[in-house]
Amino acid sequence: MKRSAYLINTSRGPVVDEEALVAALQRRQISGAALDVFEHEPPVTPALLAMPNVVMTPHLGSAVPETREALANAVADNVQVASVVESVAVF
C-alpha cells in the first residue's frame, strides 16, 4: 500500500491483523484506518484507541433501513418455520 493509503475494514474483523495495523500506522507505512469491525470483538486493540488517524464505529455498516428491514423479515421467517416444524414434530 502507498503511504497515502487508508485501510477500511467493514467486512469481518479477522481480515485485519490489528497488531500489524498498529505497527504500519506507527511506522507511517499507511496514513490511517477506518474500522467498523474488530479482530477480537468485543475487545479492541488498545493502541488503536489512542491513534488520531484511526476512526472506529460499532458495526454501523449495517445500520440502514433496508438492511434492518431485511434482518427483521429473516427473523420473522425463521420464527414461522420453527413454529411449523415444532407443530409437525408433535404429531
PDB file of N, CA and C in Angstrom:
ATOM      1  N   MET A   1       0.843  -1.183   0.000  1.00  0.00           N
ATOM      2  CA  MET A   1       0.000   0.000   0.000  1.00  0.00           C
ATOM      3  C   MET A   1       0.890   1.249   0.000  1.00  0.00           C
ATOM      4  N   LYS A   2       0.395   2.297  -0.599  1.00  0.00           N
ATOM      5  CA  LYS A   2       1.116   3.566  -0.584  1.00  0.00           C
ATOM      6  C   LYS A   2       1.031   4.192   0.805  1.00  0.00           C
ATOM      7  N   ARG A   3       1.967   5.046   1.103  1.00  0.00           N
ATOM      8  CA  ARG A   3       1.943   5.756   2.392  1.00  0.00           C
ATOM      9  C   ARG A   3       0.706   6.634   2.538  1.00  0.00           C
ATOM     10  N   SER A   4       0.111   7.031   1.438  1.00  0.00           N
ATOM     11  CA  SER A   4      -1.083   7.876   1.477  1.00  0.00           C
ATOM     12  C   SER A   4      -2.373   7.066   1.606  1.00  0.00           C
ATOM     13  N   ALA A   5      -2.258   5.733   1.639  1.00  0.00           N
ATOM     14  CA  ALA A   5      -3.438   4.860   1.671  1.00  0.00           C
ATOM     15  C   ALA A   5      -4.092   4.835   3.046  1.00  0.00           C
ATOM     16  N   TYR A   6      -5.401   4.620   3.019  1.00  0.00           N
ATOM     17  CA  TYR A   6      -6.187   4.388   4.234  1.00  0.00           C
ATOM     18  C   TYR A   6      -6.794   3.001   4.132  1.00  0.00           C
ATOM     19  N   LEU A   7      -6.631   2.210   5.174  1.00  0.00           N
ATOM     20  CA  LEU A   7      -7.230   0.886   5.219  1.00  0.00           C
ATOM     21  C   LEU A   7      -8.639   1.018   5.780  1.00  0.00           C
ATOM     22  N   ILE A   8      -9.612   0.454   5.088  1.00  0.00           N
ATOM     23  CA  ILE A   8     -11.001   0.488   5.549  1.00  0.00           C
ATOM     24  C   ILE A   8     -11.494  -0.947   5.652  1.00  0.00           C
ATOM     25  N   ASN A   9     -11.961  -1.333   6.835  1.00  0.00           N
ATOM     26  CA  ASN A   9     -12.500  -2.681   7.023  1.00  0.00           C
ATOM     27  C   ASN A   9     -13.924  -2.595   7.543  1.00  0.00           C
ATOM     28  N   THR A  10     -14.865  -2.996   6.704  1.00  0.00           N
ATOM     29  CA  THR A  10     -16.268  -3.092   7.099  1.00  0.00           C
ATOM     30  C   THR A  10     -16.778  -4.515   6.899  1.00  0.00           C
ATOM     31  N   SER A  11     -15.868  -5.451   6.626  1.00  0.00           N
ATOM     32  CA  SER A  11     -16.290  -6.821   6.325  1.00  0.00           C
ATOM     33  C   SER A  11     -16.296  -7.690   7.577  1.00  0.00           C
ATOM     34  N   ARG A  12     -15.179  -8.289   7.888  1.00  0.00           N
ATOM     35  CA  ARG A  12     -15.040  -9.154   9.060  1.00  0.00           C
ATOM     36  C   ARG A  12     -13.780  -8.751   9.805  1.00  0.00           C
ATOM     37  N   GLY A  13     -13.849  -8.737  11.127  1.00  0.00           N
ATOM     38  CA  GLY A  13     -12.726  -8.308  11.939  1.00  0.00           C
ATOM     39  C   GLY A  13     -11.430  -9.052  11.682  1.00  0.00           C
ATOM     40  N   PRO A  14     -11.442 -10.397  11.659  1.00  0.00           N
ATOM     41  CA  PRO A  14     -10.198 -11.149  11.492  1.00  0.00           C
ATOM     42  C   PRO A  14      -9.500 -10.951  10.141  1.00  0.00           C
ATOM     43  N   VAL A  15     -10.125 -10.231   9.223  1.00  0.00           N
ATOM     44  CA  VAL A  15      -9.479  -9.939   7.941  1.00  0.00           C
ATOM     45  C   VAL A  15      -8.227  -9.090   8.163  1.00  0.00           C
ATOM     46  N   VAL A  16      -8.228  -8.287   9.226  1.00  0.00           N
ATOM     47  CA  VAL A  16      -7.111  -7.374   9.512  1.00  0.00           C
ATOM     48  C   VAL A  16      -6.400  -7.812  10.792  1.00  0.00           C
ATOM     49  N   ASP A  17      -5.110  -7.984  10.716  1.00  0.00           N
ATOM     50  CA  ASP A  17      -4.268  -8.235  11.885  1.00  0.00           C
ATOM     51  C   ASP A  17      -4.037  -6.878  12.547  1.00  0.00           C
ATOM     52  N   GLU A  18      -4.723  -6.631  13.663  1.00  0.00           N
ATOM     53  CA  GLU A  18      -4.683  -5.299  14.276  1.00  0.00           C
ATOM     54  C   GLU A  18      -3.297  -4.934  14.804  1.00  0.00           C
ATOM     55  N   GLU A  19      -2.535  -5.883  15.293  1.00  0.00           N
ATOM     56  CA  GLU A  19      -1.177  -5.570  15.753  1.00  0.00           C
ATOM     57  C   GLU A  19      -0.318  -5.119  14.569  1.00  0.00           C
ATOM     58  N   ALA A  20      -0.465  -5.781  13.430  1.00  0.00           N
ATOM     59  CA  ALA A  20       0.268  -5.372  12.226  1.00  0.00           C
ATOM     60  C   ALA A  20      -0.204  -4.002  11.752  1.00  0.00           C
ATOM     61  N   LEU A  21      -1.501  -3.747  11.886  1.00  0.00           N
ATOM     62  CA  LEU A  21      -2.039  -2.442  11.507  1.00  0.00           C
ATOM     63  C   LEU A  21      -1.442  -1.347  12.387  1.00  0.00           C
ATOM     64  N   VAL A  22      -1.393  -1.587  13.688  1.00  0.00           N
ATOM     65  CA  VAL A  22      -0.794  -0.617  14.615  1.00  0.00           C
ATOM     66  C   VAL A  22       0.652  -0.339  14.206  1.00  0.00           C
ATOM     67  N   ALA A  23       1.398  -1.404  13.926  1.00  0.00           N
ATOM     68  CA  ALA A  23       2.803  -1.237  13.530  1.00  0.00           C
ATOM     69  C   ALA A  23       2.919  -0.418  12.247  1.00  0.00           C
ATOM     70  N   ALA A  24       2.069  -0.697  11.269  1.00  0.00           N
ATOM     71  CA  ALA A  24       2.110   0.042   9.997  1.00  0.00           C
ATOM     72  C   ALA A  24       1.768   1.514  10.211  1.00  0.00           C
ATOM     73  N   LEU A  25       0.814   1.787  11.087  1.00  0.00           N
ATOM     74  CA  LEU A  25       0.441   3.175  11.372  1.00  0.00           C
ATOM     75  C   LEU A  25       1.556   3.899  12.129  1.00  0.00           C
ATOM     76  N   GLN A  26       2.144   3.217  13.094  1.00  0.00           N
ATOM     77  CA  GLN A  26       3.233   3.837  13.871  1.00  0.00           C
ATOM     78  C   GLN A  26       4.453   4.131  12.993  1.00  0.00           C
ATOM     79  N   ARG A  27       4.710   3.265  12.020  1.00  0.00           N
ATOM     80  CA  ARG A  27       5.847   3.466  11.112  1.00  0.00           C
ATOM     81  C   ARG A  27       5.491   4.361   9.931  1.00  0.00           C
ATOM     82  N   ARG A  28       4.247   4.833   9.917  1.00  0.00           N
ATOM     83  CA  ARG A  28       3.740   5.692   8.852  1.00  0.00           C
ATOM     84  C   ARG A  28       3.824   5.018   7.479  1.00  0.00           C
ATOM     85  N   GLN A  29       3.618   3.699   7.477  1.00  0.00           N
ATOM     86  CA  GLN A  29       3.582   2.966   6.215  1.00  0.00           C
ATOM     87  C   GLN A  29       2.262   3.205   5.484  1.00  0.00           C
ATOM     88  N   ILE A  30       1.221   3.542   6.250  1.00  0.00           N
ATOM     89  CA  ILE A  30      -0.063   3.969   5.686  1.00  0.00           C
ATOM     90  C   ILE A  30      -0.527   5.181   6.482  1.00  0.00           C
ATOM     91  N   SER A  31      -1.460   5.932   5.903  1.00  0.00           N
ATOM     92  CA  SER A  31      -1.889   7.191   6.529  1.00  0.00           C
ATOM     93  C   SER A  31      -2.922   7.020   7.636  1.00  0.00           C
ATOM     94  N   GLY A  32      -3.752   6.003   7.539  1.00  0.00           N
ATOM     95  CA  GLY A  32      -4.782   5.856   8.547  1.00  0.00           C
ATOM     96  C   GLY A  32      -5.644   4.640   8.303  1.00  0.00           C
ATOM     97  N   ALA A  33      -6.653   4.486   9.179  1.00  0.00           N
ATOM     98  CA  ALA A  33      -7.546   3.344   9.078  1.00  0.00           C
ATOM     99  C   ALA A  33      -8.936   3.727   9.565  1.00  0.00           C
ATOM    100  N   ALA A  34      -9.930   3.050   8.994  1.00  0.00           N
ATOM    101  CA  ALA A  34     -11.324   3.169   9.435  1.00  0.00           C
ATOM    102  C   ALA A  34     -11.837   1.751   9.634  1.00  0.00           C
ATOM    103  N   LEU A  35     -12.324   1.471  10.837  1.00  0.00           N
ATOM    104  CA  LEU A  35     -12.746   0.117  11.181  1.00  0.00           C
ATOM    105  C   LEU A  35     -14.174   0.115  11.714  1.00  0.00           C
ATOM    106  N   ASP A  36     -15.004  -0.752  11.137  1.00  0.00           N
ATOM    107  CA  ASP A  36     -16.373  -0.943  11.626  1.00  0.00           C
ATOM    108  C   ASP A  36     -16.497  -2.317  12.296  1.00  0.00           C
ATOM    109  N   VAL A  37     -15.448  -3.121  12.174  1.00  0.00           N
ATOM    110  CA  VAL A  37     -15.371  -4.448  12.783  1.00  0.00           C
ATOM    111  C   VAL A  37     -13.968  -4.601  13.354  1.00  0.00           C
ATOM    112  N   PHE A  38     -13.819  -5.520  14.309  1.00  0.00           N
ATOM    113  CA  PHE A  38     -12.553  -5.641  15.006  1.00  0.00           C
ATOM    114  C   PHE A  38     -12.111  -7.096  15.092  1.00  0.00           C
ATOM    115  N   GLU A  39     -10.805  -7.285  15.145  1.00  0.00           N
ATOM    116  CA  GLU A  39     -10.219  -8.631  15.080  1.00  0.00           C
ATOM    117  C   GLU A  39     -10.733  -9.551  16.187  1.00  0.00           C
ATOM    118  N   HIS A  40     -10.767  -9.062  17.417  1.00  0.00           N
ATOM    119  CA  HIS A  40     -11.177  -9.884  18.570  1.00  0.00           C
ATOM    120  C   HIS A  40     -12.293  -9.171  19.321  1.00  0.00           C
ATOM    121  N   GLU A  41     -13.473  -9.132  18.732  1.00  0.00           N
ATOM    122  CA  GLU A  41     -14.571  -8.415  19.378  1.00  0.00           C
ATOM    123  C   GLU A  41     -15.086  -9.213  20.568  1.00  0.00           C
ATOM    124  N   PRO A  42     -15.498  -8.508  21.650  1.00  0.00           N
ATOM    125  CA  PRO A  42     -15.658  -7.071  21.748  1.00  0.00           C
ATOM    126  C   PRO A  42     -14.391  -6.288  22.094  1.00  0.00           C
ATOM    127  N   PRO A  43     -13.333  -6.893  22.638  1.00  0.00           N
ATOM    128  CA  PRO A  43     -12.175  -6.042  22.910  1.00  0.00           C
ATOM    129  C   PRO A  43     -11.580  -5.458  21.623  1.00  0.00           C
ATOM    130  N   VAL A  44     -11.048  -4.277  21.746  1.00  0.00           N
ATOM    131  CA  VAL A  44     -10.367  -3.611  20.634  1.00  0.00           C
ATOM    132  C   VAL A  44      -8.903  -3.457  21.032  1.00  0.00           C
ATOM    133  N   THR A  45      -7.998  -3.614  20.096  1.00  0.00           N
ATOM    134  CA  THR A  45      -6.572  -3.430  20.369  1.00  0.00           C
ATOM    135  C   THR A  45      -6.369  -2.030  20.956  1.00  0.00           C
ATOM    136  N   PRO A  46      -5.917  -1.924  22.208  1.00  0.00           N
ATOM    137  CA  PRO A  46      -5.821  -0.627  22.896  1.00  0.00           C
ATOM    138  C   PRO A  46      -5.068   0.452  22.139  1.00  0.00           C
ATOM    139  N   ALA A  47      -4.001   0.107  21.454  1.00  0.00           N
ATOM    140  CA  ALA A  47      -3.209   1.113  20.743  1.00  0.00           C
ATOM    141  C   ALA A  47      -4.042   1.829  19.680  1.00  0.00           C
ATOM    142  N   LEU A  48      -4.999   1.129  19.090  1.00  0.00           N
ATOM    143  CA  LEU A  48      -5.841   1.758  18.059  1.00  0.00           C
ATOM    144  C   LEU A  48      -6.702   2.879  18.644  1.00  0.00           C
ATOM    145  N   LEU A  49      -7.122   2.707  19.880  1.00  0.00           N
ATOM    146  CA  LEU A  49      -7.991   3.704  20.519  1.00  0.00           C
ATOM    147  C   LEU A  49      -7.299   5.055  20.694  1.00  0.00           C
ATOM    148  N   ALA A  50      -5.993   5.034  20.817  1.00  0.00           N
ATOM    149  CA  ALA A  50      -5.233   6.270  21.070  1.00  0.00           C
ATOM    150  C   ALA A  50      -4.729   6.939  19.797  1.00  0.00           C
ATOM    151  N   MET A  51      -4.959   6.337  18.652  1.00  0.00           N
ATOM    152  CA  MET A  51      -4.387   6.872  17.408  1.00  0.00           C
ATOM    153  C   MET A  51      -5.328   7.889  16.764  1.00  0.00           C
ATOM    154  N   PRO A  52      -4.826   9.093  16.503  1.00  0.00           N
ATOM    155  CA  PRO A  52      -5.670  10.130  15.905  1.00  0.00           C
ATOM    156  C   PRO A  52      -6.019   9.870  14.437  1.00  0.00           C
ATOM    157  N   ASN A  53      -5.318   8.970  13.798  1.00  0.00           N
ATOM    158  CA  ASN A  53      -5.571   8.685  12.384  1.00  0.00           C
ATOM    159  C   ASN A  53      -6.369   7.389  12.190  1.00  0.00           C
ATOM    160  N   VAL A  54      -7.090   6.985  13.250  1.00  0.00           N
ATOM    161  CA  VAL A  54      -7.950   5.803  13.180  1.00  0.00           C
ATOM    162  C   VAL A  54      -9.362   6.207  13.576  1.00  0.00           C
ATOM    163  N   VAL A  55     -10.313   5.830  12.738  1.00  0.00           N
ATOM    164  CA  VAL A  55     -11.733   6.060  13.018  1.00  0.00           C
ATOM    165  C   VAL A  55     -12.372   4.702  13.246  1.00  0.00           C
ATOM    166  N   MET A  56     -13.119   4.573  14.344  1.00  0.00           N
ATOM    167  CA  MET A  56     -13.778   3.305  14.654  1.00  0.00           C
ATOM    168  C   MET A  56     -15.264   3.539  14.900  1.00  0.00           C
ATOM    169  N   THR A  57     -16.071   2.640  14.378  1.00  0.00           N
ATOM    170  CA  THR A  57     -17.516   2.689  14.593  1.00  0.00           C
ATOM    171  C   THR A  57     -17.990   1.311  15.047  1.00  0.00           C
ATOM    172  N   PRO A  58     -19.071   1.246  15.838  1.00  0.00           N
ATOM    173  CA  PRO A  58     -19.558  -0.034  16.364  1.00  0.00           C
ATOM    174  C   PRO A  58     -20.547  -0.730  15.424  1.00  0.00           C
ATOM    175  N   HIS A  59     -20.062  -1.342  14.384  1.00  0.00           N
ATOM    176  CA  HIS A  59     -20.899  -2.094  13.435  1.00  0.00           C
ATOM    177  C   HIS A  59     -22.023  -1.250  12.839  1.00  0.00           C
ATOM    178  N   LEU A  60     -21.723  -0.047  12.466  1.00  0.00           N
ATOM    179  CA  LEU A  60     -22.747   0.814  11.879  1.00  0.00           C
ATOM    180  C   LEU A  60     -22.937   0.571  10.388  1.00  0.00           C
ATOM    181  N   GLY A  61     -22.088  -0.256   9.807  1.00  0.00           N
ATOM    182  CA  GLY A  61     -22.180  -0.525   8.380  1.00  0.00           C
ATOM    183  C   GLY A  61     -23.523  -1.099   7.959  1.00  0.00           C
ATOM    184  N   SER A  62     -24.178  -1.806   8.865  1.00  0.00           N
ATOM    185  CA  SER A  62     -25.473  -2.396   8.525  1.00  0.00           C
ATOM    186  C   SER A  62     -26.652  -1.547   9.012  1.00  0.00           C
ATOM    187  N   ALA A  63     -26.371  -0.380   9.539  1.00  0.00           N
ATOM    188  CA  ALA A  63     -27.425   0.436  10.148  1.00  0.00           C
ATOM    189  C   ALA A  63     -28.145   1.311   9.120  1.00  0.00           C
ATOM    190  N   VAL A  64     -28.681   0.675   8.102  1.00  0.00           N
ATOM    191  CA  VAL A  64     -29.507   1.379   7.126  1.00  0.00           C
ATOM    192  C   VAL A  64     -30.879   0.710   7.136  1.00  0.00           C
ATOM    193  N   PRO A  65     -31.932   1.453   6.873  1.00  0.00           N
ATOM    194  CA  PRO A  65     -33.284   0.892   6.969  1.00  0.00           C
ATOM    195  C   PRO A  65     -33.482  -0.392   6.157  1.00  0.00           C
ATOM    196  N   GLU A  66     -32.928  -0.446   4.959  1.00  0.00           N
ATOM    197  CA  GLU A  66     -33.129  -1.630   4.112  1.00  0.00           C
ATOM    198  C   GLU A  66     -32.536  -2.891   4.738  1.00  0.00           C
ATOM    199  N   THR A  67     -31.353  -2.756   5.309  1.00  0.00           N
ATOM    200  CA  THR A  67     -30.704  -3.913   5.931  1.00  0.00           C
ATOM    201  C   THR A  67     -31.451  -4.336   7.186  1.00  0.00           C
ATOM    202  N   ARG A  68     -31.840  -3.374   7.997  1.00  0.00           N
ATOM    203  CA  ARG A  68     -32.567  -3.708   9.228  1.00  0.00           C
ATOM    204  C   ARG A  68     -33.920  -4.350   8.920  1.00  0.00           C
ATOM    205  N   GLU A  69     -34.591  -3.876   7.880  1.00  0.00           N
ATOM    206  CA  GLU A  69     -35.866  -4.479   7.482  1.00  0.00           C
ATOM    207  C   GLU A  69     -35.650  -5.914   6.995  1.00  0.00           C
ATOM    208  N   ALA A  70     -34.608  -6.141   6.217  1.00  0.00           N
ATOM    209  CA  ALA A  70     -34.306  -7.489   5.731  1.00  0.00           C
ATOM    210  C   ALA A  70     -33.992  -8.426   6.899  1.00  0.00           C
ATOM    211  N   LEU A  71     -33.261  -7.936   7.889  1.00  0.00           N
ATOM    212  CA  LEU A  71     -32.966  -8.747   9.070  1.00  0.00           C
ATOM    213  C   LEU A  71     -34.235  -9.082   9.844  1.00  0.00           C
ATOM    214  N   ALA A  72     -35.114  -8.109  10.015  1.00  0.00           N
ATOM    215  CA  ALA A  72     -36.377  -8.349  10.723  1.00  0.00           C
ATOM    216  C   ALA A  72     -37.224  -9.369   9.972  1.00  0.00           C
ATOM    217  N   ASN A  73     -37.263  -9.265   8.653  1.00  0.00           N
ATOM    218  CA  ASN A  73     -38.018 -10.234   7.855  1.00  0.00           C
ATOM    219  C   ASN A  73     -37.434 -11.633   7.979  1.00  0.00           C
ATOM    220  N   ALA A  74     -36.112 -11.747   8.007  1.00  0.00           N
ATOM    221  CA  ALA A  74     -35.462 -13.052   8.155  1.00  0.00           C
ATOM    222  C   ALA A  74     -35.796 -13.675   9.510  1.00  0.00           C
ATOM    223  N   VAL A  75     -35.805 -12.865  10.560  1.00  0.00           N
ATOM    224  CA  VAL A  75     -36.169 -13.362  11.885  1.00  0.00           C
ATOM    225  C   VAL A  75     -37.614 -13.856  11.879  1.00  0.00           C
ATOM    226  N   ALA A  76     -38.516 -13.059  11.318  1.00  0.00           N
ATOM    227  CA  ALA A  76     -39.929 -13.456  11.264  1.00  0.00           C
ATOM    228  C   ALA A  76     -40.099 -14.760  10.477  1.00  0.00           C
ATOM    229  N   ASP A  77     -39.403 -14.883   9.362  1.00  0.00           N
ATOM    230  CA  ASP A  77     -39.476 -16.120   8.561  1.00  0.00           C
ATOM    231  C   ASP A  77     -38.964 -17.314   9.366  1.00  0.00           C
ATOM    232  N   ASN A  78     -37.881 -17.135  10.092  1.00  0.00           N
ATOM    233  CA  ASN A  78     -37.326 -18.225  10.898  1.00  0.00           C
ATOM    234  C   ASN A  78     -38.272 -18.643  12.012  1.00  0.00           C
ATOM    235  N   VAL A  79     -38.926 -17.674  12.642  1.00  0.00           N
ATOM    236  CA  VAL A  79     -39.896 -17.982  13.695  1.00  0.00           C
ATOM    237  C   VAL A  79     -41.063 -18.765  13.098  1.00  0.00           C
ATOM    238  N   GLN A  80     -41.527 -18.353  11.936  1.00  0.00           N
ATOM    239  CA  GLN A  80     -42.641 -19.039  11.276  1.00  0.00           C
ATOM    240  C   GLN A  80     -42.245 -20.477  10.926  1.00  0.00           C
ATOM    241  N   VAL A  81     -41.077 -20.674  10.358  1.00  0.00           N
ATOM    242  CA  VAL A  81     -40.610 -22.017  10.001  1.00  0.00           C
ATOM    243  C   VAL A  81     -40.458 -22.871  11.258  1.00  0.00           C
ATOM    244  N   ALA A  82     -39.903 -22.314  12.314  1.00  0.00           N
ATOM    245  CA  ALA A  82     -39.711 -23.061  13.560  1.00  0.00           C
ATOM    246  C   ALA A  82     -41.044 -23.488  14.151  1.00  0.00           C
ATOM    247  N   SER A  83     -42.055 -22.639  14.077  1.00  0.00           N
ATOM    248  CA  SER A  83     -43.362 -22.999  14.633  1.00  0.00           C
ATOM    249  C   SER A  83     -44.017 -24.107  13.819  1.00  0.00           C
ATOM    250  N   VAL A  84     -43.827 -24.113  12.508  1.00  0.00           N
ATOM    251  CA  VAL A  84     -44.372 -25.162  11.655  1.00  0.00           C
ATOM    252  C   VAL A  84     -43.654 -26.478  11.949  1.00  0.00           C
ATOM    253  N   VAL A  85     -42.350 -26.453  12.049  1.00  0.00           N
ATOM    254  CA  VAL A  85     -41.561 -27.652  12.332  1.00  0.00           C
ATOM    255  C   VAL A  85     -41.936 -28.215  13.687  1.00  0.00           C
ATOM    256  N   GLU A  86     -42.113 -27.350  14.688  1.00  0.00           N
ATOM    257  CA  GLU A  86     -42.476 -27.805  16.024  1.00  0.00           C
ATOM    258  C   GLU A  86     -43.850 -28.451  16.040  1.00  0.00           C
ATOM    259  N   SER A  87     -44.821 -27.869  15.318  1.00  0.00           N
ATOM    260  CA  SER A  87     -46.164 -28.452  15.311  1.00  0.00           C
ATOM    261  C   SER A  87     -46.173 -29.784  14.575  1.00  0.00           C
ATOM    262  N   VAL A  88     -45.355 -29.943  13.562  1.00  0.00           N
ATOM    263  CA  VAL A  88     -45.262 -31.216  12.847  1.00  0.00           C
ATOM    264  C   VAL A  88     -44.617 -32.265  13.745  1.00  0.00           C
ATOM    265  N   ALA A  89     -43.630 -31.868  14.533  1.00  0.00           N
ATOM    266  CA  ALA A  89     -42.919 -32.802  15.398  1.00  0.00           C
ATOM    267  C   ALA A  89     -43.807 -33.329  16.528  1.00  0.00           C
ATOM    268  N   VAL A  90     -44.847 -32.595  16.909  1.00  0.00           N
ATOM    269  CA  VAL A  90     -45.729 -33.004  17.991  1.00  0.00           C
ATOM    270  C   VAL A  90     -46.576 -34.206  17.563  1.00  0.00           C
ATOM    271  N   PHE A  91     -46.948 -34.271  16.292  1.00  0.00           N
ATOM    272  CA  PHE A  91     -47.810 -35.371  15.845  1.00  0.00           C
ATOM    273  C   PHE A  91     -47.102 -36.638  15.823  1.00  0.00           C
TER     274      PHE A  91
END
